[in-house]
Amino acid sequence: MKFRPLHDRVVIKRLEGEEKTKGGIIIPDNAKEKPQEGKVVAVGPGSRDESGKLIPVDVKAGDTVLFGKWSGTEVKIDGQELLIMKESDLMGVVG
């Protein structure tokens, strides 16, 4: 991927949603909810505080994270559907 996020932004690839319910019913694509879990693909260098000191981002590429249902901006880069959001929109790291 030839994209580098700026400041405290992260690029996330959504994890695939569930194909079946617990009872075994197959869910069609148009009825699936978008997952709120994804894998971090790229991370910006961090933001700067009032004195100009760099505050690094807490997540790194490869981390699995949770985020809000309507968080981020959906983009398509190199044919992949990705999300770009600020680190503050992330709820936490899974695992």
N, C-alpha and C. Protein backbone atom coordinates (compact mmCIF):
# COMPACT_ATOMS: atom_id res chain seq x y z
N MET A 1 0.85 -1.17 0.00
CA MET A 1 0.00 0.00 0.00
C MET A 1 0.90 1.23 0.00
N LYS A 2 0.56 2.18 -0.85
CA LYS A 2 1.36 3.40 -0.96
C LYS A 2 0.60 4.56 -0.34
N PHE A 3 0.28 4.44 0.94
CA PHE A 3 -0.43 5.49 1.64
C PHE A 3 0.12 5.57 3.05
N ARG A 4 0.46 6.78 3.49
CA ARG A 4 0.98 6.99 4.84
C ARG A 4 0.07 8.01 5.53
N PRO A 5 -0.63 7.58 6.60
CA PRO A 5 -1.50 8.53 7.29
C PRO A 5 -0.69 9.60 8.03
N LEU A 6 -1.29 10.76 8.18
CA LEU A 6 -0.63 11.86 8.87
C LEU A 6 -1.10 11.96 10.31
N HIS A 7 -0.27 12.57 11.13
CA HIS A 7 -0.57 12.87 12.53
C HIS A 7 -1.02 11.63 13.30
N ASP A 8 -2.16 11.70 13.99
CA ASP A 8 -2.59 10.57 14.83
C ASP A 8 -3.68 9.74 14.15
N ARG A 9 -3.62 9.68 12.82
CA ARG A 9 -4.62 8.89 12.09
C ARG A 9 -4.12 7.47 11.89
N VAL A 10 -5.08 6.54 11.82
CA VAL A 10 -4.76 5.13 11.57
C VAL A 10 -5.62 4.63 10.40
N VAL A 11 -5.08 3.70 9.65
CA VAL A 11 -5.80 3.06 8.55
C VAL A 11 -6.17 1.66 9.00
N ILE A 12 -7.46 1.32 8.86
CA ILE A 12 -7.97 0.05 9.37
C ILE A 12 -8.70 -0.71 8.27
N LYS A 13 -8.47 -2.02 8.23
CA LYS A 13 -9.23 -2.90 7.33
C LYS A 13 -10.23 -3.64 8.21
N ARG A 14 -11.53 -3.47 7.90
CA ARG A 14 -12.58 -4.14 8.68
C ARG A 14 -12.41 -5.65 8.60
N LEU A 15 -12.67 -6.34 9.71
CA LEU A 15 -12.73 -7.79 9.70
C LEU A 15 -14.07 -8.20 9.12
N GLU A 16 -14.12 -9.36 8.52
CA GLU A 16 -15.34 -9.85 7.89
C GLU A 16 -16.43 -10.08 8.92
N GLY A 17 -17.68 -9.77 8.57
CA GLY A 17 -18.82 -9.99 9.44
C GLY A 17 -19.20 -11.46 9.48
N GLU A 18 -20.05 -11.81 10.41
CA GLU A 18 -20.52 -13.19 10.55
C GLU A 18 -21.35 -13.59 9.34
N GLU A 19 -21.11 -14.80 8.84
CA GLU A 19 -21.87 -15.34 7.70
C GLU A 19 -23.15 -16.03 8.16
N LYS A 20 -23.14 -16.54 9.40
CA LYS A 20 -24.29 -17.28 9.92
C LYS A 20 -24.63 -16.80 11.32
N THR A 21 -25.89 -16.98 11.71
CA THR A 21 -26.29 -16.70 13.09
C THR A 21 -25.89 -17.90 13.93
N LYS A 22 -26.01 -17.78 15.25
CA LYS A 22 -25.69 -18.90 16.14
C LYS A 22 -26.58 -20.10 15.86
N GLY A 23 -27.80 -19.86 15.36
CA GLY A 23 -28.73 -20.94 15.04
C GLY A 23 -28.46 -21.58 13.68
N GLY A 24 -27.49 -21.05 12.91
CA GLY A 24 -27.13 -21.63 11.63
C GLY A 24 -27.77 -20.99 10.43
N ILE A 25 -28.52 -19.90 10.61
CA ILE A 25 -29.18 -19.21 9.49
C ILE A 25 -28.14 -18.36 8.76
N ILE A 26 -28.06 -18.51 7.46
CA ILE A 26 -27.10 -17.74 6.66
C ILE A 26 -27.63 -16.32 6.47
N ILE A 27 -26.76 -15.34 6.71
CA ILE A 27 -27.14 -13.92 6.61
C ILE A 27 -26.73 -13.41 5.23
N PRO A 28 -27.66 -12.85 4.44
CA PRO A 28 -27.28 -12.29 3.14
C PRO A 28 -26.43 -11.03 3.32
N ASP A 29 -25.61 -10.72 2.30
CA ASP A 29 -24.69 -9.58 2.38
C ASP A 29 -25.39 -8.27 2.72
N ASN A 30 -26.56 -8.02 2.14
CA ASN A 30 -27.21 -6.73 2.37
C ASN A 30 -27.84 -6.62 3.75
N ALA A 31 -27.94 -7.70 4.50
CA ALA A 31 -28.53 -7.66 5.84
C ALA A 31 -27.47 -7.68 6.94
N LYS A 32 -26.21 -7.89 6.56
CA LYS A 32 -25.14 -7.95 7.56
C LYS A 32 -24.88 -6.57 8.14
N GLU A 33 -24.57 -6.54 9.43
CA GLU A 33 -24.11 -5.30 10.04
C GLU A 33 -22.62 -5.18 9.78
N LYS A 34 -22.15 -3.96 9.58
CA LYS A 34 -20.72 -3.76 9.39
C LYS A 34 -20.03 -4.05 10.70
N PRO A 35 -18.97 -4.85 10.68
CA PRO A 35 -18.27 -5.16 11.92
C PRO A 35 -17.60 -3.92 12.50
N GLN A 36 -17.51 -3.89 13.81
CA GLN A 36 -16.86 -2.78 14.50
C GLN A 36 -15.47 -3.19 14.98
N GLU A 37 -14.90 -4.17 14.31
CA GLU A 37 -13.59 -4.67 14.65
C GLU A 37 -12.76 -4.69 13.38
N GLY A 38 -11.49 -4.35 13.49
CA GLY A 38 -10.64 -4.33 12.31
C GLY A 38 -9.18 -4.48 12.66
N LYS A 39 -8.37 -4.64 11.62
CA LYS A 39 -6.93 -4.78 11.77
C LYS A 39 -6.26 -3.50 11.31
N VAL A 40 -5.34 -2.98 12.11
CA VAL A 40 -4.62 -1.75 11.77
C VAL A 40 -3.64 -2.07 10.64
N VAL A 41 -3.73 -1.29 9.56
CA VAL A 41 -2.88 -1.49 8.39
C VAL A 41 -1.70 -0.52 8.41
N ALA A 42 -1.95 0.74 8.79
CA ALA A 42 -0.90 1.76 8.83
C ALA A 42 -1.22 2.77 9.92
N VAL A 43 -0.17 3.39 10.46
CA VAL A 43 -0.31 4.33 11.57
C VAL A 43 0.53 5.57 11.27
N GLY A 44 -0.04 6.75 11.57
CA GLY A 44 0.71 7.99 11.44
C GLY A 44 1.74 8.13 12.56
N PRO A 45 2.62 9.12 12.48
CA PRO A 45 3.68 9.29 13.47
C PRO A 45 3.18 9.74 14.84
N GLY A 46 2.02 10.37 14.91
CA GLY A 46 1.50 10.88 16.18
C GLY A 46 1.16 12.35 16.07
N SER A 47 0.61 12.87 17.16
CA SER A 47 0.24 14.29 17.17
C SER A 47 1.27 15.06 18.01
N ARG A 48 1.17 16.36 17.96
CA ARG A 48 2.11 17.21 18.73
C ARG A 48 1.34 17.92 19.83
N ASP A 49 1.98 18.05 20.99
CA ASP A 49 1.35 18.79 22.08
C ASP A 49 1.62 20.28 21.91
N GLU A 50 1.22 21.09 22.88
CA GLU A 50 1.34 22.54 22.76
C GLU A 50 2.79 23.02 22.65
N SER A 51 3.72 22.25 23.22
CA SER A 51 5.13 22.65 23.15
C SER A 51 5.82 22.11 21.90
N GLY A 52 5.09 21.34 21.06
CA GLY A 52 5.67 20.83 19.83
C GLY A 52 6.26 19.43 19.97
N LYS A 53 6.15 18.84 21.16
CA LYS A 53 6.69 17.50 21.38
C LYS A 53 5.77 16.46 20.74
N LEU A 54 6.35 15.48 20.04
CA LEU A 54 5.60 14.44 19.36
C LEU A 54 5.06 13.42 20.38
N ILE A 55 3.75 13.17 20.32
CA ILE A 55 3.11 12.16 21.16
C ILE A 55 2.80 10.98 20.24
N PRO A 56 3.53 9.86 20.38
CA PRO A 56 3.33 8.73 19.46
C PRO A 56 1.96 8.07 19.64
N VAL A 57 1.51 7.39 18.60
CA VAL A 57 0.24 6.67 18.62
C VAL A 57 0.44 5.36 19.39
N ASP A 58 -0.58 4.94 20.18
CA ASP A 58 -0.48 3.75 21.02
C ASP A 58 -0.65 2.44 20.26
N VAL A 59 -1.27 2.46 19.08
CA VAL A 59 -1.47 1.23 18.33
C VAL A 59 -0.40 1.10 17.25
N LYS A 60 -0.23 -0.13 16.76
CA LYS A 60 0.75 -0.37 15.70
C LYS A 60 0.12 -1.22 14.61
N ALA A 61 0.72 -1.24 13.45
CA ALA A 61 0.22 -2.06 12.34
C ALA A 61 0.14 -3.51 12.79
N GLY A 62 -0.98 -4.16 12.48
CA GLY A 62 -1.17 -5.56 12.87
C GLY A 62 -2.07 -5.73 14.07
N ASP A 63 -2.28 -4.66 14.87
CA ASP A 63 -3.18 -4.74 16.03
C ASP A 63 -4.62 -4.91 15.57
N THR A 64 -5.40 -5.67 16.34
CA THR A 64 -6.84 -5.78 16.10
C THR A 64 -7.52 -4.83 17.08
N VAL A 65 -8.37 -3.94 16.56
CA VAL A 65 -8.96 -2.89 17.38
C VAL A 65 -10.48 -2.87 17.25
N LEU A 66 -11.13 -2.26 18.25
CA LEU A 66 -12.57 -2.01 18.22
C LEU A 66 -12.79 -0.52 18.02
N PHE A 67 -13.84 -0.17 17.26
CA PHE A 67 -14.15 1.23 17.01
C PHE A 67 -15.65 1.40 16.94
N GLY A 68 -16.11 2.64 17.00
CA GLY A 68 -17.53 2.94 16.97
C GLY A 68 -18.17 2.60 15.64
N LYS A 69 -19.47 2.35 15.67
CA LYS A 69 -20.21 1.93 14.48
C LYS A 69 -20.09 2.92 13.33
N TRP A 70 -20.10 4.20 13.62
CA TRP A 70 -20.07 5.22 12.56
C TRP A 70 -18.73 5.95 12.51
N SER A 71 -17.69 5.37 13.08
CA SER A 71 -16.37 6.02 13.13
C SER A 71 -15.66 5.93 11.79
N GLY A 72 -14.82 6.90 11.53
CA GLY A 72 -13.92 6.86 10.40
C GLY A 72 -14.53 7.27 9.07
N THR A 73 -13.65 7.37 8.09
CA THR A 73 -14.02 7.70 6.73
C THR A 73 -13.66 6.52 5.85
N GLU A 74 -14.63 6.01 5.09
CA GLU A 74 -14.39 4.87 4.21
C GLU A 74 -13.71 5.35 2.94
N VAL A 75 -12.60 4.67 2.57
CA VAL A 75 -11.86 4.99 1.36
C VAL A 75 -11.49 3.70 0.64
N LYS A 76 -11.14 3.81 -0.62
CA LYS A 76 -10.68 2.66 -1.39
C LYS A 76 -9.27 2.96 -1.86
N ILE A 77 -8.30 2.16 -1.41
CA ILE A 77 -6.90 2.36 -1.77
C ILE A 77 -6.38 1.03 -2.31
N ASP A 78 -5.78 1.06 -3.49
CA ASP A 78 -5.26 -0.15 -4.15
C ASP A 78 -6.31 -1.25 -4.22
N GLY A 79 -7.57 -0.90 -4.43
CA GLY A 79 -8.64 -1.87 -4.56
C GLY A 79 -9.17 -2.42 -3.25
N GLN A 80 -8.63 -1.98 -2.11
CA GLN A 80 -9.08 -2.43 -0.79
C GLN A 80 -9.97 -1.37 -0.16
N GLU A 81 -11.07 -1.83 0.46
CA GLU A 81 -11.92 -0.90 1.20
C GLU A 81 -11.37 -0.77 2.61
N LEU A 82 -11.00 0.45 2.97
CA LEU A 82 -10.36 0.73 4.26
C LEU A 82 -11.07 1.86 4.98
N LEU A 83 -10.75 2.01 6.25
CA LEU A 83 -11.25 3.12 7.06
C LEU A 83 -10.06 3.94 7.54
N ILE A 84 -10.22 5.26 7.52
CA ILE A 84 -9.21 6.15 8.10
C ILE A 84 -9.88 6.88 9.24
N MET A 85 -9.27 6.81 10.43
CA MET A 85 -9.85 7.50 11.59
C MET A 85 -8.75 7.96 12.52
N LYS A 86 -9.11 8.88 13.40
CA LYS A 86 -8.17 9.36 14.41
C LYS A 86 -8.04 8.30 15.50
N GLU A 87 -6.91 8.30 16.14
CA GLU A 87 -6.66 7.34 17.22
C GLU A 87 -7.72 7.48 18.32
N SER A 88 -8.21 8.68 18.56
CA SER A 88 -9.20 8.91 19.61
C SER A 88 -10.54 8.24 19.32
N ASP A 89 -10.80 7.85 18.04
CA ASP A 89 -12.03 7.15 17.69
C ASP A 89 -11.97 5.66 18.01
N LEU A 90 -10.78 5.16 18.32
CA LEU A 90 -10.62 3.75 18.66
C LEU A 90 -11.03 3.53 20.12
N MET A 91 -11.69 2.40 20.38
CA MET A 91 -12.11 2.09 21.75
C MET A 91 -11.07 1.26 22.49
N GLY A 92 -10.31 0.44 21.77
CA GLY A 92 -9.30 -0.36 22.42
C GLY A 92 -8.74 -1.42 21.51
N VAL A 93 -7.70 -2.10 22.01
CA VAL A 93 -7.01 -3.16 21.28
C VAL A 93 -7.53 -4.49 21.80
N VAL A 94 -7.84 -5.42 20.89
CA VAL A 94 -8.33 -6.74 21.26
C VAL A 94 -7.14 -7.69 21.35
N GLY A 95 -7.10 -8.48 22.41
CA GLY A 95 -6.07 -9.52 22.55
C GLY A 95 -4.87 -9.03 23.15
